[in-house]
Amino acid sequence: MRSTPQRNGAELTGCADRDIEDGLLAWLLRGSVVRACGAQRAAWGWQAFGALIAVWLVARPARAMHLADGILPATSCAVWSLLALVWVAIAFRRFDRARLQDAQLGPLVAMVGAAVFAISCMPVPVPWVGTCSHPCGTGLAAILLGPMSTVLLSAVALLLQALFLAHGGITTLGADIVSMGVAGGLAGYCVFRGLRAFGIGLFAAAFVAGVLSDWATYATTALELAFGLADAASRGRLFSSMLVAFAPTQLPLGLLEGLLTAGALSWVDKRRPGLLARLRVTALGET
């Protein structure tokens, strides 16, 4: 049998010391790595903070659209909000009843609402006013779904834009709904139905409806500003000034929206003529 080598106390103490030294060295190395990683993360944090500060310092003014908070006085905001609330409540009740009768109405309204949201997010700066013009898409929505559904879609689109895109305000949301949803939707719907009643073709009627729907929106916005910011003696002058200020951008934008409305409606008529007939935009087989 092999005998186990015997170690004296000094050798055992030396081995223990080496083990302690190795453990201490490993602990120091791990601590160094952890501190290095922490320092690197801290450096990244400071770099990110510095980048945010730099962006804030060099940030340019936003191209905001619609009427922002603080533009209209509180009394005007309250009046327009109350008026918009009545329209939205009636529109929601009608949509809720229609949804129960037609299961396909909900997805169609959602699709048109997404189009209104996207179309009305295209800003064109108006330097004279300090705001932006933009197409609205409410003329097309009113032709397809009617003016009441257009009010509801406009309210949702404007609320989302105010909350997440800083386009428009919360206190002026009612005024924006009245100008874009109520005035724009009613103008587009009535003009289209009137022209079609006189035998005007689908493309031409949709074009004129899209143009006048857009212009009606901005005429109403100018009226809201005139009633909110001027006294009775100077409202007419301020209203005219606002129309002149919007004209350089909104006149061509209105024509562009007319073409967009007519093109979209003609495309749907060629691809899905039965859809327009079901929505009572046209009679079956009519163009």
C-alpha atoms as a PDB file:
ATOM      1  CA  MET A   1       0.000   0.000   0.000  1.00  0.00           C
ATOM      2  CA  ARG A   2       1.127   3.511  -0.825  1.00  0.00           C
ATOM      3  CA  SER A   3       1.512   5.779   2.087  1.00  0.00           C
ATOM      4  CA  THR A   4      -0.010   9.258   2.017  1.00  0.00           C
ATOM      5  CA  PRO A   5       2.666  11.936   2.268  1.00  0.00           C
ATOM      6  CA  GLN A   6       2.635  13.738   5.530  1.00  0.00           C
ATOM      7  CA  ARG A   7       2.705  17.555   5.573  1.00  0.00           C
ATOM      8  CA  ASN A   8       3.832  19.556   8.476  1.00  0.00           C
ATOM      9  CA  GLY A   9       1.985  22.601   9.846  1.00  0.00           C
ATOM     10  CA  ALA A  10       4.037  25.103   7.882  1.00  0.00           C
ATOM     11  CA  GLU A  11       3.212  23.477   4.570  1.00  0.00           C
ATOM     12  CA  LEU A  12      -0.464  23.359   5.460  1.00  0.00           C
ATOM     13  CA  THR A  13      -0.392  27.013   6.469  1.00  0.00           C
ATOM     14  CA  GLY A  14       1.337  27.944   3.200  1.00  0.00           C
ATOM     15  CA  CYS A  15      -1.287  26.136   1.156  1.00  0.00           C
ATOM     16  CA  ALA A  16      -4.042  27.865   3.073  1.00  0.00           C
ATOM     17  CA  ASP A  17      -2.374  31.234   2.503  1.00  0.00           C
ATOM     18  CA  ARG A  18      -2.101  30.566  -1.226  1.00  0.00           C
ATOM     19  CA  ASP A  19      -5.777  29.600  -1.360  1.00  0.00           C
ATOM     20  CA  ILE A  20      -6.736  32.791   0.414  1.00  0.00           C
ATOM     21  CA  GLU A  21      -4.547  34.849  -1.928  1.00  0.00           C
ATOM     22  CA  ASP A  22      -6.078  33.176  -4.997  1.00  0.00           C
ATOM     23  CA  GLY A  23      -9.590  33.778  -3.684  1.00  0.00           C
ATOM     24  CA  LEU A  24      -8.787  37.385  -2.873  1.00  0.00           C
ATOM     25  CA  LEU A  25      -7.305  37.916  -6.321  1.00  0.00           C
ATOM     26  CA  ALA A  26     -10.362  36.389  -7.987  1.00  0.00           C
ATOM     27  CA  TRP A  27     -12.648  38.614  -5.884  1.00  0.00           C
ATOM     28  CA  LEU A  28     -10.650  41.709  -6.808  1.00  0.00           C
ATOM     29  CA  LEU A  29     -10.760  40.783 -10.493  1.00  0.00           C
ATOM     30  CA  ARG A  30     -14.516  40.242 -10.383  1.00  0.00           C
ATOM     31  CA  GLY A  31     -14.966  43.557  -8.611  1.00  0.00           C
ATOM     32  CA  SER A  32     -12.845  45.288 -11.228  1.00  0.00           C
ATOM     33  CA  VAL A  33     -14.931  43.805 -14.044  1.00  0.00           C
ATOM     34  CA  VAL A  34     -18.193  44.797 -12.333  1.00  0.00           C
ATOM     35  CA  ARG A  35     -16.910  48.306 -11.715  1.00  0.00           C
ATOM     36  CA  ALA A  36     -15.721  48.553 -15.320  1.00  0.00           C
ATOM     37  CA  CYS A  37     -19.132  47.474 -16.606  1.00  0.00           C
ATOM     38  CA  GLY A  38     -20.861  49.888 -14.246  1.00  0.00           C
ATOM     39  CA  ALA A  39     -18.580  52.704 -15.377  1.00  0.00           C
ATOM     40  CA  GLN A  40     -19.311  51.881 -19.004  1.00  0.00           C
ATOM     41  CA  ARG A  41     -23.054  51.899 -18.363  1.00  0.00           C
ATOM     42  CA  ALA A  42     -22.722  55.187 -16.522  1.00  0.00           C
ATOM     43  CA  ALA A  43     -20.748  56.612 -19.444  1.00  0.00           C
ATOM     44  CA  TRP A  44     -23.459  55.493 -21.851  1.00  0.00           C
ATOM     45  CA  GLY A  45     -26.087  57.068 -19.619  1.00  0.00           C
ATOM     46  CA  TRP A  46     -24.262  60.388 -19.574  1.00  0.00           C
ATOM     47  CA  GLN A  47     -23.797  60.247 -23.337  1.00  0.00           C
ATOM     48  CA  ALA A  48     -27.526  59.644 -23.828  1.00  0.00           C
ATOM     49  CA  PHE A  49     -28.335  62.485 -21.435  1.00  0.00           C
ATOM     50  CA  GLY A  50     -25.969  64.768 -23.322  1.00  0.00           C
ATOM     51  CA  ALA A  51     -27.581  63.807 -26.625  1.00  0.00           C
ATOM     52  CA  LEU A  52     -31.032  64.673 -25.248  1.00  0.00           C
ATOM     53  CA  ILE A  53     -29.768  68.032 -24.045  1.00  0.00           C
ATOM     54  CA  ALA A  54     -28.206  68.705 -27.457  1.00  0.00           C
ATOM     55  CA  VAL A  55     -31.451  67.826 -29.244  1.00  0.00           C
ATOM     56  CA  TRP A  56     -33.364  70.101 -26.902  1.00  0.00           C
ATOM     57  CA  LEU A  57     -30.955  72.982 -27.485  1.00  0.00           C
ATOM     58  CA  VAL A  58     -31.032  72.720 -31.272  1.00  0.00           C
ATOM     59  CA  ALA A  59     -34.734  71.821 -31.575  1.00  0.00           C
ATOM     60  CA  ARG A  60     -36.693  73.822 -34.107  1.00  0.00           C
ATOM     61  CA  PRO A  61     -40.295  74.998 -33.744  1.00  0.00           C
ATOM     62  CA  ALA A  62     -42.794  72.241 -34.562  1.00  0.00           C
ATOM     63  CA  ARG A  63     -45.070  72.568 -37.564  1.00  0.00           C
ATOM     64  CA  ALA A  64     -48.243  72.208 -35.543  1.00  0.00           C
ATOM     65  CA  MET A  65     -51.646  71.985 -37.191  1.00  0.00           C
ATOM     66  CA  HIS A  66     -55.202  72.767 -36.109  1.00  0.00           C
ATOM     67  CA  LEU A  67     -56.009  75.275 -33.375  1.00  0.00           C
ATOM     68  CA  ALA A  68     -53.621  74.841 -30.449  1.00  0.00           C
ATOM     69  CA  ASP A  69     -54.302  75.374 -26.758  1.00  0.00           C
ATOM     70  CA  GLY A  70     -54.223  79.024 -25.742  1.00  0.00           C
ATOM     71  CA  ILE A  71     -55.268  80.497 -29.087  1.00  0.00           C
ATOM     72  CA  LEU A  72     -58.964  80.857 -28.290  1.00  0.00           C
ATOM     73  CA  PRO A  73     -60.299  82.322 -25.023  1.00  0.00           C
ATOM     74  CA  ALA A  74     -61.970  80.037 -22.516  1.00  0.00           C
ATOM     75  CA  THR A  75     -65.500  81.164 -23.366  1.00  0.00           C
ATOM     76  CA  SER A  76     -65.040  80.401 -27.060  1.00  0.00           C
ATOM     77  CA  CYS A  77     -63.519  77.018 -26.246  1.00  0.00           C
ATOM     78  CA  ALA A  78     -66.496  76.191 -24.042  1.00  0.00           C
ATOM     79  CA  VAL A  79     -69.036  77.168 -26.714  1.00  0.00           C
ATOM     80  CA  TRP A  80     -67.353  75.195 -29.497  1.00  0.00           C
ATOM     81  CA  SER A  81     -66.766  72.211 -27.208  1.00  0.00           C
ATOM     82  CA  LEU A  82     -70.445  72.104 -26.229  1.00  0.00           C
ATOM     83  CA  LEU A  83     -71.514  72.311 -29.863  1.00  0.00           C
ATOM     84  CA  ALA A  84     -69.064  69.585 -30.875  1.00  0.00           C
ATOM     85  CA  LEU A  85     -70.188  67.375 -27.986  1.00  0.00           C
ATOM     86  CA  VAL A  86     -73.783  67.493 -29.209  1.00  0.00           C
ATOM     87  CA  TRP A  87     -72.746  66.514 -32.738  1.00  0.00           C
ATOM     88  CA  VAL A  88     -70.451  63.712 -31.539  1.00  0.00           C
ATOM     89  CA  ALA A  89     -73.113  62.291 -29.213  1.00  0.00           C
ATOM     90  CA  ILE A  90     -75.716  62.193 -31.999  1.00  0.00           C
ATOM     91  CA  ALA A  91     -73.171  60.701 -34.428  1.00  0.00           C
ATOM     92  CA  PHE A  92     -72.194  57.988 -31.956  1.00  0.00           C
ATOM     93  CA  ARG A  93     -75.806  56.980 -31.296  1.00  0.00           C
ATOM     94  CA  ARG A  94     -76.503  56.699 -35.018  1.00  0.00           C
ATOM     95  CA  PHE A  95     -73.333  54.725 -35.640  1.00  0.00           C
ATOM     96  CA  ASP A  96     -74.113  52.366 -32.749  1.00  0.00           C
ATOM     97  CA  ARG A  97     -77.549  51.589 -34.165  1.00  0.00           C
ATOM     98  CA  ALA A  98     -76.229  51.146 -37.707  1.00  0.00           C
ATOM     99  CA  ARG A  99     -73.418  48.885 -36.497  1.00  0.00           C
ATOM    100  CA  LEU A 100     -75.905  46.433 -35.049  1.00  0.00           C
ATOM    101  CA  GLN A 101     -77.702  46.202 -38.398  1.00  0.00           C
ATOM    102  CA  ASP A 102     -74.593  45.899 -40.584  1.00  0.00           C
ATOM    103  CA  ALA A 103     -71.633  43.875 -39.280  1.00  0.00           C
ATOM    104  CA  GLN A 104     -69.356  45.159 -42.071  1.00  0.00           C
ATOM    105  CA  LEU A 105     -69.870  48.807 -41.127  1.00  0.00           C
ATOM    106  CA  GLY A 106     -67.366  48.798 -38.258  1.00  0.00           C
ATOM    107  CA  PRO A 107     -64.304  47.718 -40.294  1.00  0.00           C
ATOM    108  CA  LEU A 108     -65.262  50.101 -43.102  1.00  0.00           C
ATOM    109  CA  VAL A 109     -65.568  53.035 -40.718  1.00  0.00           C
ATOM    110  CA  ALA A 110     -62.219  52.118 -39.156  1.00  0.00           C
ATOM    111  CA  MET A 111     -60.554  52.011 -42.585  1.00  0.00           C
ATOM    112  CA  VAL A 112     -61.974  55.384 -43.640  1.00  0.00           C
ATOM    113  CA  GLY A 113     -61.038  56.803 -40.235  1.00  0.00           C
ATOM    114  CA  ALA A 114     -57.435  55.703 -40.727  1.00  0.00           C
ATOM    115  CA  ALA A 115     -57.447  57.453 -44.105  1.00  0.00           C
ATOM    116  CA  VAL A 116     -58.777  60.671 -42.545  1.00  0.00           C
ATOM    117  CA  PHE A 117     -56.107  60.494 -39.835  1.00  0.00           C
ATOM    118  CA  ALA A 118     -53.307  59.987 -42.382  1.00  0.00           C
ATOM    119  CA  ILE A 119     -54.542  62.601 -44.874  1.00  0.00           C
ATOM    120  CA  SER A 120     -54.969  65.266 -42.183  1.00  0.00           C
ATOM    121  CA  CYS A 121     -51.389  64.675 -40.929  1.00  0.00           C
ATOM    122  CA  MET A 122     -49.756  66.307 -43.969  1.00  0.00           C
ATOM    123  CA  PRO A 123     -48.775  69.827 -42.815  1.00  0.00           C
ATOM    124  CA  VAL A 124     -47.994  72.748 -45.142  1.00  0.00           C
ATOM    125  CA  PRO A 125     -46.626  75.767 -43.175  1.00  0.00           C
ATOM    126  CA  VAL A 126     -48.539  79.074 -43.326  1.00  0.00           C
ATOM    127  CA  PRO A 127     -45.983  81.682 -42.194  1.00  0.00           C
ATOM    128  CA  TRP A 128     -48.463  84.561 -42.090  1.00  0.00           C
ATOM    129  CA  VAL A 129     -50.629  82.803 -39.490  1.00  0.00           C
ATOM    130  CA  GLY A 130     -47.981  80.803 -37.635  1.00  0.00           C
ATOM    131  CA  THR A 131     -49.754  77.498 -38.183  1.00  0.00           C
ATOM    132  CA  CYS A 132     -50.080  74.913 -40.952  1.00  0.00           C
ATOM    133  CA  SER A 133     -52.573  74.099 -43.641  1.00  0.00           C
ATOM    134  CA  HIS A 134     -53.339  70.502 -44.500  1.00  0.00           C
ATOM    135  CA  PRO A 135     -55.794  68.389 -46.473  1.00  0.00           C
ATOM    136  CA  CYS A 136     -58.605  66.942 -44.395  1.00  0.00           C
ATOM    137  CA  GLY A 137     -60.112  63.884 -46.071  1.00  0.00           C
ATOM    138  CA  THR A 138     -63.532  64.656 -44.593  1.00  0.00           C
ATOM    139  CA  GLY A 139     -65.088  65.221 -48.000  1.00  0.00           C
ATOM    140  CA  LEU A 140     -64.282  61.670 -49.053  1.00  0.00           C
ATOM    141  CA  ALA A 141     -65.447  60.301 -45.700  1.00  0.00           C
ATOM    142  CA  ALA A 142     -68.755  62.163 -45.935  1.00  0.00           C
ATOM    143  CA  ILE A 143     -69.429  60.882 -49.439  1.00  0.00           C
ATOM    144  CA  LEU A 144     -68.776  57.277 -48.415  1.00  0.00           C
ATOM    145  CA  LEU A 145     -70.245  57.194 -44.910  1.00  0.00           C
ATOM    146  CA  GLY A 146     -72.380  60.310 -44.512  1.00  0.00           C
ATOM    147  CA  PRO A 147     -71.807  63.495 -42.508  1.00  0.00           C
ATOM    148  CA  MET A 148     -72.595  62.067 -39.061  1.00  0.00           C
ATOM    149  CA  SER A 149     -70.031  59.281 -39.288  1.00  0.00           C
ATOM    150  CA  THR A 150     -67.559  61.876 -40.562  1.00  0.00           C
ATOM    151  CA  VAL A 151     -68.048  63.899 -37.384  1.00  0.00           C
ATOM    152  CA  LEU A 152     -67.257  60.825 -35.304  1.00  0.00           C
ATOM    153  CA  LEU A 153     -64.170  59.935 -37.351  1.00  0.00           C
ATOM    154  CA  SER A 154     -62.899  63.504 -37.205  1.00  0.00           C
ATOM    155  CA  ALA A 155     -63.300  63.608 -33.426  1.00  0.00           C
ATOM    156  CA  VAL A 156     -61.228  60.432 -32.992  1.00  0.00           C
ATOM    157  CA  ALA A 157     -58.544  61.548 -35.469  1.00  0.00           C
ATOM    158  CA  LEU A 158     -58.228  65.020 -33.923  1.00  0.00           C
ATOM    159  CA  LEU A 159     -58.068  63.618 -30.391  1.00  0.00           C
ATOM    160  CA  LEU A 160     -55.258  61.210 -31.312  1.00  0.00           C
ATOM    161  CA  GLN A 161     -53.348  63.950 -33.115  1.00  0.00           C
ATOM    162  CA  ALA A 162     -53.669  66.300 -30.139  1.00  0.00           C
ATOM    163  CA  LEU A 163     -52.543  63.655 -27.636  1.00  0.00           C
ATOM    164  CA  PHE A 164     -49.691  62.000 -29.541  1.00  0.00           C
ATOM    165  CA  LEU A 165     -48.586  64.382 -32.318  1.00  0.00           C
ATOM    166  CA  ALA A 166     -49.084  67.808 -30.683  1.00  0.00           C
ATOM    167  CA  HIS A 167     -51.351  68.817 -33.561  1.00  0.00           C
ATOM    168  CA  GLY A 168     -54.148  70.894 -32.093  1.00  0.00           C
ATOM    169  CA  GLY A 169     -55.092  71.181 -28.448  1.00  0.00           C
ATOM    170  CA  ILE A 170     -57.428  69.678 -25.899  1.00  0.00           C
ATOM    171  CA  THR A 171     -59.211  72.928 -25.018  1.00  0.00           C
ATOM    172  CA  THR A 172     -59.663  73.739 -28.715  1.00  0.00           C
ATOM    173  CA  LEU A 173     -60.656  70.199 -29.686  1.00  0.00           C
ATOM    174  CA  GLY A 174     -64.304  71.194 -29.981  1.00  0.00           C
ATOM    175  CA  ALA A 175     -63.499  74.042 -32.366  1.00  0.00           C
ATOM    176  CA  ASP A 176     -61.365  71.739 -34.507  1.00  0.00           C
ATOM    177  CA  ILE A 177     -64.138  69.121 -34.627  1.00  0.00           C
ATOM    178  CA  VAL A 178     -66.694  71.726 -35.697  1.00  0.00           C
ATOM    179  CA  SER A 179     -64.484  73.108 -38.475  1.00  0.00           C
ATOM    180  CA  MET A 180     -63.118  69.849 -39.864  1.00  0.00           C
ATOM    181  CA  GLY A 181     -65.792  67.302 -38.997  1.00  0.00           C
ATOM    182  CA  VAL A 182     -69.050  69.241 -38.987  1.00  0.00           C
ATOM    183  CA  ALA A 183     -68.471  72.027 -41.519  1.00  0.00           C
ATOM    184  CA  GLY A 184     -66.159  70.047 -43.805  1.00  0.00           C
ATOM    185  CA  GLY A 185     -68.274  66.895 -43.685  1.00  0.00           C
ATOM    186  CA  LEU A 186     -71.592  68.664 -44.274  1.00  0.00           C
ATOM    187  CA  ALA A 187     -70.169  70.745 -47.128  1.00  0.00           C
ATOM    188  CA  GLY A 188     -68.719  67.720 -48.905  1.00  0.00           C
ATOM    189  CA  TYR A 189     -71.850  65.618 -48.463  1.00  0.00           C
ATOM    190  CA  CYS A 190     -74.359  68.298 -49.490  1.00  0.00           C
ATOM    191  CA  VAL A 191     -72.346  69.439 -52.513  1.00  0.00           C
ATOM    192  CA  PHE A 192     -71.863  65.875 -53.760  1.00  0.00           C
ATOM    193  CA  ARG A 193     -75.531  64.933 -53.323  1.00  0.00           C
ATOM    194  CA  GLY A 194     -76.699  68.178 -54.892  1.00  0.00           C
ATOM    195  CA  LEU A 195     -74.492  67.841 -57.955  1.00  0.00           C
ATOM    196  CA  ARG A 196     -75.451  64.201 -58.419  1.00  0.00           C
ATOM    197  CA  ALA A 197     -79.125  65.164 -58.227  1.00  0.00           C
ATOM    198  CA  PHE A 198     -78.536  67.501 -61.184  1.00  0.00           C
ATOM    199  CA  GLY A 199     -76.940  64.690 -63.208  1.00  0.00           C
ATOM    200  CA  ILE A 200     -73.269  65.629 -62.721  1.00  0.00           C
ATOM    201  CA  GLY A 201     -70.887  62.683 -63.162  1.00  0.00           C
ATOM    202  CA  LEU A 202     -69.276  60.847 -60.283  1.00  0.00           C
ATOM    203  CA  PHE A 203     -65.737  62.158 -60.850  1.00  0.00           C
ATOM    204  CA  ALA A 204     -66.790  65.805 -61.303  1.00  0.00           C
ATOM    205  CA  ALA A 205     -69.165  65.775 -58.337  1.00  0.00           C
ATOM    206  CA  ALA A 206     -66.539  64.178 -56.088  1.00  0.00           C
ATOM    207  CA  PHE A 207     -63.918  66.704 -57.214  1.00  0.00           C
ATOM    208  CA  VAL A 208     -66.074  69.728 -56.418  1.00  0.00           C
ATOM    209  CA  ALA A 209     -67.197  68.175 -53.124  1.00  0.00           C
ATOM    210  CA  GLY A 210     -63.585  67.549 -52.066  1.00  0.00           C
ATOM    211  CA  VAL A 211     -62.550  71.099 -52.948  1.00  0.00           C
ATOM    212  CA  LEU A 212     -65.431  72.821 -51.167  1.00  0.00           C
ATOM    213  CA  SER A 213     -65.181  70.523 -48.156  1.00  0.00           C
ATOM    214  CA  ASP A 214     -61.565  71.579 -47.654  1.00  0.00           C
ATOM    215  CA  TRP A 215     -62.298  75.278 -48.159  1.00  0.00           C
ATOM    216  CA  ALA A 216     -65.317  75.128 -45.833  1.00  0.00           C
ATOM    217  CA  THR A 217     -63.069  73.737 -43.090  1.00  0.00           C
ATOM    218  CA  TYR A 218     -60.700  76.673 -43.273  1.00  0.00           C
ATOM    219  CA  ALA A 219     -63.450  79.248 -43.687  1.00  0.00           C
ATOM    220  CA  THR A 220     -64.944  77.913 -40.446  1.00  0.00           C
ATOM    221  CA  THR A 221     -61.537  78.038 -38.749  1.00  0.00           C
ATOM    222  CA  ALA A 222     -61.171  81.668 -39.794  1.00  0.00           C
ATOM    223  CA  LEU A 223     -64.667  82.351 -38.428  1.00  0.00           C
ATOM    224  CA  GLU A 224     -63.775  80.714 -35.099  1.00  0.00           C
ATOM    225  CA  LEU A 225     -60.644  82.836 -34.814  1.00  0.00           C
ATOM    226  CA  ALA A 226     -62.543  86.008 -35.708  1.00  0.00           C
ATOM    227  CA  PHE A 227     -65.255  85.413 -33.103  1.00  0.00           C
ATOM    228  CA  GLY A 228     -62.736  84.416 -30.457  1.00  0.00           C
ATOM    229  CA  LEU A 229     -60.065  87.062 -30.923  1.00  0.00           C
ATOM    230  CA  ALA A 230     -61.888  90.198 -32.073  1.00  0.00           C
ATOM    231  CA  ASP A 231     -64.749  92.355 -30.887  1.00  0.00           C
ATOM    232  CA  ALA A 232     -67.959  92.849 -32.848  1.00  0.00           C
ATOM    233  CA  ALA A 233     -66.597  95.870 -34.724  1.00  0.00           C
ATOM    234  CA  SER A 234     -63.456  94.171 -36.065  1.00  0.00           C
ATOM    235  CA  ARG A 235     -64.604  90.577 -36.593  1.00  0.00           C
ATOM    236  CA  GLY A 236     -65.298  91.045 -40.279  1.00  0.00           C
ATOM    237  CA  ARG A 237     -61.867  92.534 -40.889  1.00  0.00           C
ATOM    238  CA  LEU A 238     -60.100  89.754 -38.971  1.00  0.00           C
ATOM    239  CA  PHE A 239     -62.150  87.110 -40.767  1.00  0.00           C
ATOM    240  CA  SER A 240     -61.130  88.537 -44.153  1.00  0.00           C
ATOM    241  CA  SER A 241     -57.489  88.724 -43.042  1.00  0.00           C
ATOM    242  CA  MET A 242     -57.536  85.071 -42.024  1.00  0.00           C
ATOM    243  CA  LEU A 243     -59.015  84.010 -45.349  1.00  0.00           C
ATOM    244  CA  VAL A 244     -56.321  85.958 -47.206  1.00  0.00           C
ATOM    245  CA  ALA A 245     -53.633  84.389 -45.009  1.00  0.00           C
ATOM    246  CA  PHE A 246     -54.862  80.861 -45.693  1.00  0.00           C
ATOM    247  CA  ALA A 247     -55.421  81.424 -49.428  1.00  0.00           C
ATOM    248  CA  PRO A 248     -51.842  80.895 -50.771  1.00  0.00           C
ATOM    249  CA  THR A 249     -51.657  77.377 -49.363  1.00  0.00           C
ATOM    250  CA  GLN A 250     -55.275  76.343 -49.005  1.00  0.00           C
ATOM    251  CA  LEU A 251     -56.462  77.190 -52.505  1.00  0.00           C
ATOM    252  CA  PRO A 252     -54.054  74.733 -54.184  1.00  0.00           C
ATOM    253  CA  LEU A 253     -54.466  72.247 -51.342  1.00  0.00           C
ATOM    254  CA  GLY A 254     -58.227  72.330 -51.854  1.00  0.00           C
ATOM    255  CA  LEU A 255     -57.791  71.527 -55.536  1.00  0.00           C
ATOM    256  CA  LEU A 256     -55.402  68.727 -54.626  1.00  0.00           C
ATOM    257  CA  GLU A 257     -57.910  67.303 -52.168  1.00  0.00           C
ATOM    258  CA  GLY A 258     -60.588  67.487 -54.861  1.00  0.00           C
ATOM    259  CA  LEU A 259     -58.429  65.373 -57.144  1.00  0.00           C
ATOM    260  CA  LEU A 260     -57.696  62.973 -54.288  1.00  0.00           C
ATOM    261  CA  THR A 261     -61.398  62.601 -53.477  1.00  0.00           C
ATOM    262  CA  ALA A 262     -62.403  62.112 -57.102  1.00  0.00           C
ATOM    263  CA  GLY A 263     -59.557  59.676 -57.764  1.00  0.00           C
ATOM    264  CA  ALA A 264     -60.302  57.586 -54.696  1.00  0.00           C
ATOM    265  CA  LEU A 265     -64.010  57.414 -55.484  1.00  0.00           C
ATOM    266  CA  SER A 266     -63.379  56.518 -59.129  1.00  0.00           C
ATOM    267  CA  TRP A 267     -60.956  53.777 -58.064  1.00  0.00           C
ATOM    268  CA  VAL A 268     -63.523  52.289 -55.686  1.00  0.00           C
ATOM    269  CA  ASP A 269     -66.180  52.510 -58.405  1.00  0.00           C
ATOM    270  CA  LYS A 270     -64.014  50.517 -60.815  1.00  0.00           C
ATOM    271  CA  ARG A 271     -62.792  47.965 -58.284  1.00  0.00           C
ATOM    272  CA  ARG A 272     -65.838  47.567 -56.055  1.00  0.00           C
ATOM    273  CA  PRO A 273     -68.909  49.104 -57.694  1.00  0.00           C
ATOM    274  CA  GLY A 274     -71.155  47.061 -55.456  1.00  0.00           C
ATOM    275  CA  LEU A 275     -69.642  48.774 -52.389  1.00  0.00           C
ATOM    276  CA  LEU A 276     -70.680  52.241 -53.562  1.00  0.00           C
ATOM    277  CA  ALA A 277     -74.145  50.934 -54.309  1.00  0.00           C
ATOM    278  CA  ARG A 278     -74.401  49.358 -50.858  1.00  0.00           C
ATOM    279  CA  LEU A 279     -73.317  52.646 -49.297  1.00  0.00           C
ATOM    280  CA  ARG A 280     -75.927  54.426 -51.468  1.00  0.00           C
ATOM    281  CA  VAL A 281     -73.278  56.592 -53.081  1.00  0.00           C
ATOM    282  CA  THR A 282     -74.424  55.413 -56.507  1.00  0.00           C
ATOM    283  CA  ALA A 283     -77.227  53.264 -57.825  1.00  0.00           C
ATOM    284  CA  LEU A 284     -76.193  49.783 -58.943  1.00  0.00           C
ATOM    285  CA  GLY A 285     -74.599  50.081 -62.383  1.00  0.00           C
ATOM    286  CA  GLU A 286     -74.562  53.892 -62.232  1.00  0.00           C
ATOM    287  CA  THR A 287     -71.360  55.916 -62.727  1.00  0.00           C
END
